[in-house]
Amino acid sequence: MSDEGVLDPWVAAWLETNAIRVPMKDMYTMARPARSPFPVTRELAQVDDEIAAGVPVRIYRGAERPTGLIVYFHGGAWCVGSIGLMDNVARELAHATGAVVVSVEYRLAPENPFPAGLDDCEAVTRWAFARTARFGVSPANVLVAGESAGGNLAAAVTLRLRDSAGIRLAGQVLIYPGLDAGTSTLPSRTEFAPLTMPDGDMEWIWNAYTGGRDLADNPYVAPLRAESLADLPPAYVVLAGCDFLRDEGRLYADRLRQAGVDAEDVCYPGQIHGFVNHMFPAASDAFDRIGAWVRSRCDAAAAQSS
């Protein structure tokens, strides 16, 4: 095992008192909070709730002229999570990148299996792209972002937009994304799932999202299995060394580069799945790097469009 897969002592201590013991099949039935349990880390100039393309969204704006516009999809295994629960992530993205952030309250499984959530994410992305003037940004500076299941949705949205033509995104930020099928046997899935995933959860989550259908080779469900990743927007992929989704994120970045896509991946040694959401010490550096990358992509896209 490489050093990146050795638990950071701070993370190991956190796990001792914060072990995840509630199975997803029970967790998804719990009340979905309107507010995040995490502390508000950033005060922003304006935060508004509205409906976009029939989907609830929360829009975050800073005080300065925005660098771009990010459509953000929260994590939660496609079954839990909300714009309220991940309010802290959206705020950090807006602060770090200088962009307007549109956080999407997409429909959740198992009540609404694939493609319901993805349809919502694509619809809001198209809505945002058509309203860049309202937000004071260039159409060339629209990106998508997401963590975990939200990273899957962000990657799938870029594939859908590529395949339907008409919209070219400036980039995609994928934070420990789930990109392979639920049947994946990649080493990190076996090695690190016990840290944050109760027994049987991965199978239940996959069946909930797919509605029990055989969708393992559908690229909009498992983007890693797409036949081609050519002509996708540039990507920034954040990985955690002790995360069960580490290997598929790394493989996706490799495949993007092989397809001629500008892709960068960075792995945080000793970190676990969710370290950004929980605002572990390493999260600060992750947001700083995401911010620098997004700003550089927006600068590059604006230069090309001028």
C-alpha atoms as a PDB file:
ATOM      1  CA  MET A   1       0.000   0.000   0.000  1.00  0.00           C
ATOM      2  CA  SER A   2       1.390   3.404  -0.946  1.00  0.00           C
ATOM      3  CA  ASP A   3       1.714   6.228   1.557  1.00  0.00           C
ATOM      4  CA  GLU A   4      -1.391   7.903   0.126  1.00  0.00           C
ATOM      5  CA  GLY A   5      -3.463   4.975   1.381  1.00  0.00           C
ATOM      6  CA  VAL A   6      -2.287   5.254   4.996  1.00  0.00           C
ATOM      7  CA  LEU A   7      -4.804   7.049   7.198  1.00  0.00           C
ATOM      8  CA  ASP A   8      -3.772  10.492   8.338  1.00  0.00           C
ATOM      9  CA  PRO A   9      -3.561  10.408  12.182  1.00  0.00           C
ATOM     10  CA  TRP A  10      -6.029  13.303  12.474  1.00  0.00           C
ATOM     11  CA  VAL A  11      -8.493  11.454  10.224  1.00  0.00           C
ATOM     12  CA  ALA A  12      -8.024   8.201  12.143  1.00  0.00           C
ATOM     13  CA  ALA A  13      -8.837  10.001  15.386  1.00  0.00           C
ATOM     14  CA  TRP A  14     -11.918  11.571  13.796  1.00  0.00           C
ATOM     15  CA  LEU A  15     -13.134   8.158  12.652  1.00  0.00           C
ATOM     16  CA  GLU A  16     -12.843   6.809  16.184  1.00  0.00           C
ATOM     17  CA  THR A  17     -15.617   9.113  17.349  1.00  0.00           C
ATOM     18  CA  ASN A  18     -17.532   9.647  14.089  1.00  0.00           C
ATOM     19  CA  ALA A  19     -17.896   6.190  12.587  1.00  0.00           C
ATOM     20  CA  ILE A  20     -20.767   5.984  10.096  1.00  0.00           C
ATOM     21  CA  ARG A  21     -23.138   3.320  11.417  1.00  0.00           C
ATOM     22  CA  VAL A  22     -26.487   4.124   9.779  1.00  0.00           C
ATOM     23  CA  PRO A  23     -27.074   2.134   6.560  1.00  0.00           C
ATOM     24  CA  MET A  24     -28.167   4.166   3.557  1.00  0.00           C
ATOM     25  CA  LYS A  25     -31.382   2.162   3.242  1.00  0.00           C
ATOM     26  CA  ASP A  26     -32.344   3.620   6.624  1.00  0.00           C
ATOM     27  CA  MET A  27     -30.701   7.026   6.261  1.00  0.00           C
ATOM     28  CA  TYR A  28     -32.599   8.039   3.136  1.00  0.00           C
ATOM     29  CA  THR A  29     -35.921   7.810   4.987  1.00  0.00           C
ATOM     30  CA  MET A  30     -34.795  10.372   7.562  1.00  0.00           C
ATOM     31  CA  ALA A  31     -35.897  13.992   7.294  1.00  0.00           C
ATOM     32  CA  ARG A  32     -33.862  15.899   4.746  1.00  0.00           C
ATOM     33  CA  PRO A  33     -32.610  19.002   6.544  1.00  0.00           C
ATOM     34  CA  ALA A  34     -33.373  22.491   5.321  1.00  0.00           C
ATOM     35  CA  ARG A  35     -30.139  23.678   6.936  1.00  0.00           C
ATOM     36  CA  SER A  36     -26.652  22.268   7.019  1.00  0.00           C
ATOM     37  CA  PRO A  37     -25.379  20.699  10.257  1.00  0.00           C
ATOM     38  CA  PHE A  38     -21.976  22.101   9.364  1.00  0.00           C
ATOM     39  CA  PRO A  39     -21.051  25.638  10.465  1.00  0.00           C
ATOM     40  CA  VAL A  40     -21.514  28.412   7.916  1.00  0.00           C
ATOM     41  CA  THR A  41     -17.934  28.956   6.842  1.00  0.00           C
ATOM     42  CA  ARG A  42     -18.438  31.882   4.482  1.00  0.00           C
ATOM     43  CA  GLU A  43     -20.766  34.825   4.543  1.00  0.00           C
ATOM     44  CA  LEU A  44     -21.623  35.888   1.017  1.00  0.00           C
ATOM     45  CA  ALA A  45     -23.205  39.007  -0.403  1.00  0.00           C
ATOM     46  CA  GLN A  46     -26.361  37.264  -1.566  1.00  0.00           C
ATOM     47  CA  VAL A  47     -27.936  33.812  -1.220  1.00  0.00           C
ATOM     48  CA  ASP A  48     -31.320  33.207  -2.845  1.00  0.00           C
ATOM     49  CA  ASP A  49     -33.654  30.250  -3.319  1.00  0.00           C
ATOM     50  CA  GLU A  50     -35.682  30.009  -6.508  1.00  0.00           C
ATOM     51  CA  ILE A  51     -36.991  27.590  -9.134  1.00  0.00           C
ATOM     52  CA  ALA A  52     -34.930  26.958 -12.253  1.00  0.00           C
ATOM     53  CA  ALA A  53     -36.373  24.864 -15.086  1.00  0.00           C
ATOM     54  CA  GLY A  54     -38.844  23.463 -12.575  1.00  0.00           C
ATOM     55  CA  VAL A  55     -36.093  22.490 -10.125  1.00  0.00           C
ATOM     56  CA  PRO A  56     -35.394  24.166  -6.753  1.00  0.00           C
ATOM     57  CA  VAL A  57     -31.974  25.829  -6.656  1.00  0.00           C
ATOM     58  CA  ARG A  58     -29.985  27.981  -4.261  1.00  0.00           C
ATOM     59  CA  ILE A  59     -27.862  30.731  -5.838  1.00  0.00           C
ATOM     60  CA  TYR A  60     -24.738  32.086  -4.146  1.00  0.00           C
ATOM     61  CA  ARG A  61     -23.103  35.375  -5.101  1.00  0.00           C
ATOM     62  CA  GLY A  62     -20.070  37.169  -3.746  1.00  0.00           C
ATOM     63  CA  ALA A  63     -19.629  40.929  -3.575  1.00  0.00           C
ATOM     64  CA  GLU A  64     -17.168  41.168  -6.468  1.00  0.00           C
ATOM     65  CA  ARG A  65     -17.774  40.798 -10.176  1.00  0.00           C
ATOM     66  CA  PRO A  66     -18.068  37.035 -10.761  1.00  0.00           C
ATOM     67  CA  THR A  67     -15.370  35.100 -12.554  1.00  0.00           C
ATOM     68  CA  GLY A  68     -17.862  32.618 -13.949  1.00  0.00           C
ATOM     69  CA  LEU A  69     -20.865  30.470 -13.129  1.00  0.00           C
ATOM     70  CA  ILE A  70     -20.734  27.009 -11.516  1.00  0.00           C
ATOM     71  CA  VAL A  71     -23.697  24.646 -11.528  1.00  0.00           C
ATOM     72  CA  TYR A  72     -23.121  22.475  -8.454  1.00  0.00           C
ATOM     73  CA  PHE A  73     -24.573  19.032  -7.705  1.00  0.00           C
ATOM     74  CA  HIS A  74     -24.383  17.854  -4.085  1.00  0.00           C
ATOM     75  CA  GLY A  75     -23.335  14.379  -3.007  1.00  0.00           C
ATOM     76  CA  GLY A  76     -25.296  11.825  -1.014  1.00  0.00           C
ATOM     77  CA  ALA A  77     -25.226   8.562  -2.984  1.00  0.00           C
ATOM     78  CA  TRP A  78     -28.084   9.855  -5.194  1.00  0.00           C
ATOM     79  CA  CYS A  79     -30.407   9.081  -2.250  1.00  0.00           C
ATOM     80  CA  VAL A  80     -29.756  11.700   0.451  1.00  0.00           C
ATOM     81  CA  GLY A  81     -28.370  15.214   0.651  1.00  0.00           C
ATOM     82  CA  SER A  82     -29.867  18.542  -0.289  1.00  0.00           C
ATOM     83  CA  ILE A  83     -28.955  22.124  -1.065  1.00  0.00           C
ATOM     84  CA  GLY A  84     -29.404  22.734   2.655  1.00  0.00           C
ATOM     85  CA  LEU A  85     -27.182  19.904   3.794  1.00  0.00           C
ATOM     86  CA  MET A  86     -24.334  20.879   1.452  1.00  0.00           C
ATOM     87  CA  ASP A  87     -24.718  24.616   1.943  1.00  0.00           C
ATOM     88  CA  ASN A  88     -21.160  24.808   3.292  1.00  0.00           C
ATOM     89  CA  VAL A  89     -19.655  23.253   0.142  1.00  0.00           C
ATOM     90  CA  ALA A  90     -21.510  25.660  -2.130  1.00  0.00           C
ATOM     91  CA  ARG A  91     -20.391  28.626  -0.031  1.00  0.00           C
ATOM     92  CA  GLU A  92     -16.766  27.495  -0.119  1.00  0.00           C
ATOM     93  CA  LEU A  93     -16.930  27.024  -3.893  1.00  0.00           C
ATOM     94  CA  ALA A  94     -18.343  30.520  -4.371  1.00  0.00           C
ATOM     95  CA  HIS A  95     -15.692  32.039  -2.105  1.00  0.00           C
ATOM     96  CA  ALA A  96     -12.729  30.128  -3.542  1.00  0.00           C
ATOM     97  CA  THR A  97     -13.609  30.510  -7.211  1.00  0.00           C
ATOM     98  CA  GLY A  98     -15.233  33.933  -7.249  1.00  0.00           C
ATOM     99  CA  ALA A  99     -18.018  32.416  -9.324  1.00  0.00           C
ATOM    100  CA  VAL A 100     -21.772  32.512  -8.967  1.00  0.00           C
ATOM    101  CA  VAL A 101     -22.777  29.052  -7.718  1.00  0.00           C
ATOM    102  CA  VAL A 102     -26.137  27.500  -8.560  1.00  0.00           C
ATOM    103  CA  SER A 103     -26.750  24.548  -6.236  1.00  0.00           C
ATOM    104  CA  VAL A 104     -29.297  22.055  -7.568  1.00  0.00           C
ATOM    105  CA  GLU A 105     -31.988  20.261  -5.546  1.00  0.00           C
ATOM    106  CA  TYR A 106     -32.274  17.363  -7.990  1.00  0.00           C
ATOM    107  CA  ARG A 107     -34.715  14.521  -7.433  1.00  0.00           C
ATOM    108  CA  LEU A 108     -33.429  11.660  -5.300  1.00  0.00           C
ATOM    109  CA  ALA A 109     -33.581   7.886  -5.546  1.00  0.00           C
ATOM    110  CA  PRO A 110     -35.043   5.427  -4.784  1.00  0.00           C
ATOM    111  CA  GLU A 111     -38.313   7.331  -5.235  1.00  0.00           C
ATOM    112  CA  ASN A 112     -36.909   8.880  -8.413  1.00  0.00           C
ATOM    113  CA  PRO A 113     -34.340   6.533  -9.985  1.00  0.00           C
ATOM    114  CA  PHE A 114     -32.135   7.315 -12.997  1.00  0.00           C
ATOM    115  CA  PRO A 115     -32.542   9.384 -15.099  1.00  0.00           C
ATOM    116  CA  ALA A 116     -34.662  11.729 -12.950  1.00  0.00           C
ATOM    117  CA  GLY A 117     -31.815  13.337 -10.991  1.00  0.00           C
ATOM    118  CA  LEU A 118     -29.595  13.623 -14.043  1.00  0.00           C
ATOM    119  CA  ASP A 119     -32.440  15.150 -16.051  1.00  0.00           C
ATOM    120  CA  ASP A 120     -32.798  17.836 -13.374  1.00  0.00           C
ATOM    121  CA  CYS A 121     -29.062  18.554 -13.347  1.00  0.00           C
ATOM    122  CA  GLU A 122     -28.915  18.869 -17.126  1.00  0.00           C
ATOM    123  CA  ALA A 123     -32.019  21.066 -17.209  1.00  0.00           C
ATOM    124  CA  VAL A 124     -30.582  23.498 -14.652  1.00  0.00           C
ATOM    125  CA  THR A 125     -27.233  23.574 -16.458  1.00  0.00           C
ATOM    126  CA  ARG A 126     -29.012  24.550 -19.667  1.00  0.00           C
ATOM    127  CA  TRP A 127     -31.089  27.085 -17.729  1.00  0.00           C
ATOM    128  CA  ALA A 128     -27.951  28.656 -16.279  1.00  0.00           C
ATOM    129  CA  PHE A 129     -26.171  28.703 -19.621  1.00  0.00           C
ATOM    130  CA  ALA A 130     -29.099  30.598 -21.158  1.00  0.00           C
ATOM    131  CA  ARG A 131     -29.012  33.190 -18.360  1.00  0.00           C
ATOM    132  CA  THR A 132     -25.352  34.114 -18.110  1.00  0.00           C
ATOM    133  CA  ALA A 133     -26.165  37.754 -18.883  1.00  0.00           C
ATOM    134  CA  ARG A 134     -28.399  37.851 -15.808  1.00  0.00           C
ATOM    135  CA  PHE A 135     -25.465  36.752 -13.660  1.00  0.00           C
ATOM    136  CA  GLY A 136     -22.962  39.029 -15.342  1.00  0.00           C
ATOM    137  CA  VAL A 137     -20.752  36.292 -16.759  1.00  0.00           C
ATOM    138  CA  SER A 138     -19.732  35.132 -20.216  1.00  0.00           C
ATOM    139  CA  PRO A 139     -21.334  31.980 -21.715  1.00  0.00           C
ATOM    140  CA  ALA A 140     -17.750  30.793 -22.117  1.00  0.00           C
ATOM    141  CA  ASN A 141     -17.333  30.686 -18.317  1.00  0.00           C
ATOM    142  CA  VAL A 142     -19.935  28.125 -17.248  1.00  0.00           C
ATOM    143  CA  LEU A 143     -18.728  25.038 -15.374  1.00  0.00           C
ATOM    144  CA  VAL A 144     -20.224  22.100 -13.506  1.00  0.00           C
ATOM    145  CA  ALA A 145     -19.039  20.701 -10.181  1.00  0.00           C
ATOM    146  CA  GLY A 146     -20.023  18.026  -7.716  1.00  0.00           C
ATOM    147  CA  GLU A 147     -18.751  15.662  -5.064  1.00  0.00           C
ATOM    148  CA  SER A 148     -19.332  11.908  -4.776  1.00  0.00           C
ATOM    149  CA  ALA A 149     -22.685  11.172  -6.464  1.00  0.00           C
ATOM    150  CA  GLY A 150     -22.725  14.835  -7.462  1.00  0.00           C
ATOM    151  CA  GLY A 151     -19.390  14.290  -9.193  1.00  0.00           C
ATOM    152  CA  ASN A 152     -20.977  11.435 -11.105  1.00  0.00           C
ATOM    153  CA  LEU A 153     -23.822  13.740 -12.146  1.00  0.00           C
ATOM    154  CA  ALA A 154     -21.396  16.479 -13.198  1.00  0.00           C
ATOM    155  CA  ALA A 155     -19.454  14.050 -15.385  1.00  0.00           C
ATOM    156  CA  ALA A 156     -22.679  12.649 -16.838  1.00  0.00           C
ATOM    157  CA  VAL A 157     -23.973  16.134 -17.645  1.00  0.00           C
ATOM    158  CA  THR A 158     -20.808  16.886 -19.624  1.00  0.00           C
ATOM    159  CA  LEU A 159     -21.284  13.664 -21.590  1.00  0.00           C
ATOM    160  CA  ARG A 160     -24.911  14.481 -22.342  1.00  0.00           C
ATOM    161  CA  LEU A 161     -24.102  18.021 -23.434  1.00  0.00           C
ATOM    162  CA  ARG A 162     -21.280  16.777 -25.663  1.00  0.00           C
ATOM    163  CA  ASP A 163     -23.544  14.189 -27.240  1.00  0.00           C
ATOM    164  CA  SER A 164     -26.341  16.667 -27.916  1.00  0.00           C
ATOM    165  CA  ALA A 165     -24.081  19.553 -29.002  1.00  0.00           C
ATOM    166  CA  GLY A 166     -24.901  23.223 -28.597  1.00  0.00           C
ATOM    167  CA  ILE A 167     -23.279  23.919 -25.203  1.00  0.00           C
ATOM    168  CA  ARG A 168     -19.579  23.985 -24.471  1.00  0.00           C
ATOM    169  CA  LEU A 169     -18.655  24.128 -20.801  1.00  0.00           C
ATOM    170  CA  ALA A 170     -15.469  25.761 -19.537  1.00  0.00           C
ATOM    171  CA  GLY A 171     -14.717  22.901 -17.154  1.00  0.00           C
ATOM    172  CA  GLN A 172     -15.813  20.233 -14.726  1.00  0.00           C
ATOM    173  CA  VAL A 173     -14.749  19.920 -11.091  1.00  0.00           C
ATOM    174  CA  LEU A 174     -15.130  16.359  -9.829  1.00  0.00           C
ATOM    175  CA  ILE A 175     -14.567  15.874  -6.093  1.00  0.00           C
ATOM    176  CA  TYR A 176     -14.078  12.190  -5.209  1.00  0.00           C
ATOM    177  CA  PRO A 177     -16.602  11.271  -7.911  1.00  0.00           C
ATOM    178  CA  GLY A 178     -18.335   7.912  -8.252  1.00  0.00           C
ATOM    179  CA  LEU A 179     -17.768   7.024 -11.891  1.00  0.00           C
ATOM    180  CA  ASP A 180     -17.881   3.250 -12.179  1.00  0.00           C
ATOM    181  CA  ALA A 181     -20.749   0.791 -11.880  1.00  0.00           C
ATOM    182  CA  GLY A 182     -21.926  -0.552  -8.559  1.00  0.00           C
ATOM    183  CA  THR A 183     -20.454  -3.904  -9.563  1.00  0.00           C
ATOM    184  CA  SER A 184     -16.939  -2.439  -9.749  1.00  0.00           C
ATOM    185  CA  THR A 185     -14.091  -4.514  -8.304  1.00  0.00           C
ATOM    186  CA  LEU A 186     -11.452  -1.782  -8.319  1.00  0.00           C
ATOM    187  CA  PRO A 187      -9.011  -2.257  -5.402  1.00  0.00           C
ATOM    188  CA  SER A 188      -9.893   0.958  -3.551  1.00  0.00           C
ATOM    189  CA  ARG A 189     -13.544  -0.103  -3.377  1.00  0.00           C
ATOM    190  CA  THR A 190     -12.642  -3.249  -1.483  1.00  0.00           C
ATOM    191  CA  GLU A 191      -9.896  -1.728   0.650  1.00  0.00           C
ATOM    192  CA  PHE A 192     -11.511   1.473   1.870  1.00  0.00           C
ATOM    193  CA  ALA A 193     -15.286   0.999   1.720  1.00  0.00           C
ATOM    194  CA  PRO A 194     -15.402  -0.227   5.356  1.00  0.00           C
ATOM    195  CA  LEU A 195     -14.130   3.165   6.547  1.00  0.00           C
ATOM    196  CA  THR A 196     -17.229   5.101   5.514  1.00  0.00           C
ATOM    197  CA  MET A 197     -19.684   2.608   4.008  1.00  0.00           C
ATOM    198  CA  PRO A 198     -21.692   0.143   6.145  1.00  0.00           C
ATOM    199  CA  ASP A 199     -21.870  -3.428   4.831  1.00  0.00           C
ATOM    200  CA  GLY A 200     -24.255  -3.839   1.907  1.00  0.00           C
ATOM    201  CA  ASP A 201     -24.621  -0.120   1.272  1.00  0.00           C
ATOM    202  CA  MET A 202     -22.952   0.001  -2.145  1.00  0.00           C
ATOM    203  CA  GLU A 203     -25.251  -2.684  -3.545  1.00  0.00           C
ATOM    204  CA  TRP A 204     -28.327  -1.007  -2.060  1.00  0.00           C
ATOM    205  CA  ILE A 205     -27.302   2.425  -3.395  1.00  0.00           C
ATOM    206  CA  TRP A 206     -26.651   1.094  -6.887  1.00  0.00           C
ATOM    207  CA  ASN A 207     -29.987  -0.725  -7.020  1.00  0.00           C
ATOM    208  CA  ALA A 208     -31.772   2.352  -5.696  1.00  0.00           C
ATOM    209  CA  TYR A 209     -30.285   4.663  -8.327  1.00  0.00           C
ATOM    210  CA  THR A 210     -30.732   2.265 -11.240  1.00  0.00           C
ATOM    211  CA  GLY A 211     -34.170   1.132 -10.135  1.00  0.00           C
ATOM    212  CA  GLY A 212     -32.863  -2.423 -10.193  1.00  0.00           C
ATOM    213  CA  ARG A 213     -32.130  -2.248 -13.925  1.00  0.00           C
ATOM    214  CA  ASP A 214     -28.942  -3.449 -15.596  1.00  0.00           C
ATOM    215  CA  LEU A 215     -27.335  -0.078 -16.377  1.00  0.00           C
ATOM    216  CA  ALA A 216     -23.703  -0.938 -15.651  1.00  0.00           C
ATOM    217  CA  ASP A 217     -22.602  -0.041 -19.168  1.00  0.00           C
ATOM    218  CA  ASN A 218     -24.726   3.092 -19.539  1.00  0.00           C
ATOM    219  CA  PRO A 219     -22.176   5.940 -19.725  1.00  0.00           C
ATOM    220  CA  TYR A 220     -24.615   8.410 -18.177  1.00  0.00           C
ATOM    221  CA  VAL A 221     -24.801   6.156 -15.109  1.00  0.00           C
ATOM    222  CA  ALA A 222     -21.176   4.985 -15.071  1.00  0.00           C
ATOM    223  CA  PRO A 223     -19.144   7.601 -17.001  1.00  0.00           C
ATOM    224  CA  LEU A 224     -15.940   5.578 -16.639  1.00  0.00           C
ATOM    225  CA  ARG A 225     -17.509   3.042 -19.012  1.00  0.00           C
ATOM    226  CA  ALA A 226     -18.152   5.572 -21.784  1.00  0.00           C
ATOM    227  CA  GLU A 227     -16.749   4.392 -25.090  1.00  0.00           C
ATOM    228  CA  SER A 228     -15.094   7.758 -25.717  1.00  0.00           C
ATOM    229  CA  LEU A 229     -14.215  10.704 -23.484  1.00  0.00           C
ATOM    230  CA  ALA A 230     -13.042  12.885 -26.350  1.00  0.00           C
ATOM    231  CA  ASP A 231     -14.269  16.468 -26.724  1.00  0.00           C
ATOM    232  CA  LEU A 232     -15.229  16.846 -23.067  1.00  0.00           C
ATOM    233  CA  PRO A 233     -14.466  20.031 -21.115  1.00  0.00           C
ATOM    234  CA  PRO A 234     -11.265  20.317 -19.054  1.00  0.00           C
ATOM    235  CA  ALA A 235     -11.433  18.531 -15.722  1.00  0.00           C
ATOM    236  CA  TYR A 236     -10.077  18.987 -12.215  1.00  0.00           C
ATOM    237  CA  VAL A 237     -10.420  15.806 -10.160  1.00  0.00           C
ATOM    238  CA  VAL A 238      -9.966  15.799  -6.366  1.00  0.00           C
ATOM    239  CA  LEU A 239      -9.185  12.410  -4.818  1.00  0.00           C
ATOM    240  CA  ALA A 240      -8.684  11.085  -1.292  1.00  0.00           C
ATOM    241  CA  GLY A 241      -5.995   8.511  -0.612  1.00  0.00           C
ATOM    242  CA  CYS A 242      -8.191   6.340   1.641  1.00  0.00           C
ATOM    243  CA  ASP A 243     -11.416   6.715  -0.340  1.00  0.00           C
ATOM    244  CA  PHE A 244     -13.225   3.763  -1.883  1.00  0.00           C
ATOM    245  CA  LEU A 245     -13.833   5.885  -5.015  1.00  0.00           C
ATOM    246  CA  ARG A 246     -10.170   6.852  -5.432  1.00  0.00           C
ATOM    247  CA  ASP A 247      -9.252   4.435  -8.222  1.00  0.00           C
ATOM    248  CA  GLU A 248     -12.149   5.252 -10.539  1.00  0.00           C
ATOM    249  CA  GLY A 249     -11.507   8.980 -10.224  1.00  0.00           C
ATOM    250  CA  ARG A 250      -7.867   8.470 -11.120  1.00  0.00           C
ATOM    251  CA  LEU A 251      -8.724   6.178 -14.023  1.00  0.00           C
ATOM    252  CA  TYR A 252     -11.207   8.735 -15.332  1.00  0.00           C
ATOM    253  CA  ALA A 253      -8.601  11.486 -15.284  1.00  0.00           C
ATOM    254  CA  ASP A 254      -6.164   9.161 -17.087  1.00  0.00           C
ATOM    255  CA  ARG A 255      -8.739   8.320 -19.732  1.00  0.00           C
ATOM    256  CA  LEU A 256      -9.586  11.991 -20.228  1.00  0.00           C
ATOM    257  CA  ARG A 257      -5.920  12.779 -20.859  1.00  0.00           C
ATOM    258  CA  GLN A 258      -5.615   9.849 -23.246  1.00  0.00           C
ATOM    259  CA  ALA A 259      -8.607  11.259 -25.137  1.00  0.00           C
ATOM    260  CA  GLY A 260      -6.885  14.627 -25.487  1.00  0.00           C
ATOM    261  CA  VAL A 261      -8.802  16.391 -22.720  1.00  0.00           C
ATOM    262  CA  ASP A 262      -6.959  18.733 -20.377  1.00  0.00           C
ATOM    263  CA  ALA A 263      -7.363  16.933 -17.052  1.00  0.00           C
ATOM    264  CA  GLU A 264      -5.624  17.355 -13.715  1.00  0.00           C
ATOM    265  CA  ASP A 265      -6.032  15.116 -10.700  1.00  0.00           C
ATOM    266  CA  VAL A 266      -4.730  15.674  -7.194  1.00  0.00           C
ATOM    267  CA  CYS A 267      -4.856  13.101  -4.406  1.00  0.00           C
ATOM    268  CA  TYR A 268      -4.862  14.019  -0.715  1.00  0.00           C
ATOM    269  CA  PRO A 269      -2.959  11.262   1.131  1.00  0.00           C
ATOM    270  CA  GLY A 270      -4.585   9.766   4.192  1.00  0.00           C
ATOM    271  CA  GLN A 271      -7.954  11.449   3.607  1.00  0.00           C
ATOM    272  CA  ILE A 272     -11.285   9.628   3.454  1.00  0.00           C
ATOM    273  CA  HIS A 273     -14.447  10.006   1.422  1.00  0.00           C
ATOM    274  CA  GLY A 274     -16.247  13.173   2.480  1.00  0.00           C
ATOM    275  CA  PHE A 275     -13.220  15.075   3.785  1.00  0.00           C
ATOM    276  CA  VAL A 276     -14.236  18.174   1.831  1.00  0.00           C
ATOM    277  CA  ASN A 277     -17.849  18.056   3.037  1.00  0.00           C
ATOM    278  CA  HIS A 278     -16.757  17.681   6.652  1.00  0.00           C
ATOM    279  CA  MET A 279     -14.210  20.466   6.258  1.00  0.00           C
ATOM    280  CA  PHE A 280     -11.239  18.424   7.461  1.00  0.00           C
ATOM    281  CA  PRO A 281      -7.973  20.417   7.634  1.00  0.00           C
ATOM    282  CA  ALA A 282      -7.041  19.235   4.116  1.00  0.00           C
ATOM    283  CA  ALA A 283     -10.262  20.717   2.713  1.00  0.00           C
ATOM    284  CA  SER A 284      -8.865  24.246   2.899  1.00  0.00           C
ATOM    285  CA  ASP A 285      -6.083  23.396   0.468  1.00  0.00           C
ATOM    286  CA  ALA A 286      -8.524  21.524  -1.766  1.00  0.00           C
ATOM    287  CA  PHE A 287     -10.795  24.556  -2.088  1.00  0.00           C
ATOM    288  CA  ASP A 288      -7.824  26.862  -2.683  1.00  0.00           C
ATOM    289  CA  ARG A 289      -6.625  24.648  -5.539  1.00  0.00           C
ATOM    290  CA  ILE A 290     -10.105  24.329  -6.993  1.00  0.00           C
ATOM    291  CA  GLY A 291     -10.421  28.102  -6.875  1.00  0.00           C
ATOM    292  CA  ALA A 292      -7.134  28.651  -8.679  1.00  0.00           C
ATOM    293  CA  TRP A 293      -8.031  26.092 -11.341  1.00  0.00           C
ATOM    294  CA  VAL A 294     -11.510  27.526 -11.967  1.00  0.00           C
ATOM    295  CA  ARG A 295     -10.156  31.062 -12.203  1.00  0.00           C
ATOM    296  CA  SER A 296      -7.520  29.952 -14.709  1.00  0.00           C
ATOM    297  CA  ARG A 297     -10.105  28.105 -16.803  1.00  0.00           C
ATOM    298  CA  CYS A 298     -12.414  31.128 -16.845  1.00  0.00           C
ATOM    299  CA  ASP A 299      -9.511  33.371 -17.864  1.00  0.00           C
ATOM    300  CA  ALA A 300      -8.548  30.963 -20.644  1.00  0.00           C
ATOM    301  CA  ALA A 301     -12.124  30.562 -21.883  1.00  0.00           C
ATOM    302  CA  ALA A 302     -12.664  34.316 -21.916  1.00  0.00           C
ATOM    303  CA  ALA A 303      -9.452  34.825 -23.874  1.00  0.00           C
ATOM    304  CA  GLN A 304     -10.514  32.274 -26.493  1.00  0.00           C
ATOM    305  CA  SER A 305     -13.937  33.816 -26.897  1.00  0.00           C
ATOM    306  CA  SER A 306     -12.683  37.384 -27.273  1.00  0.00           C
END
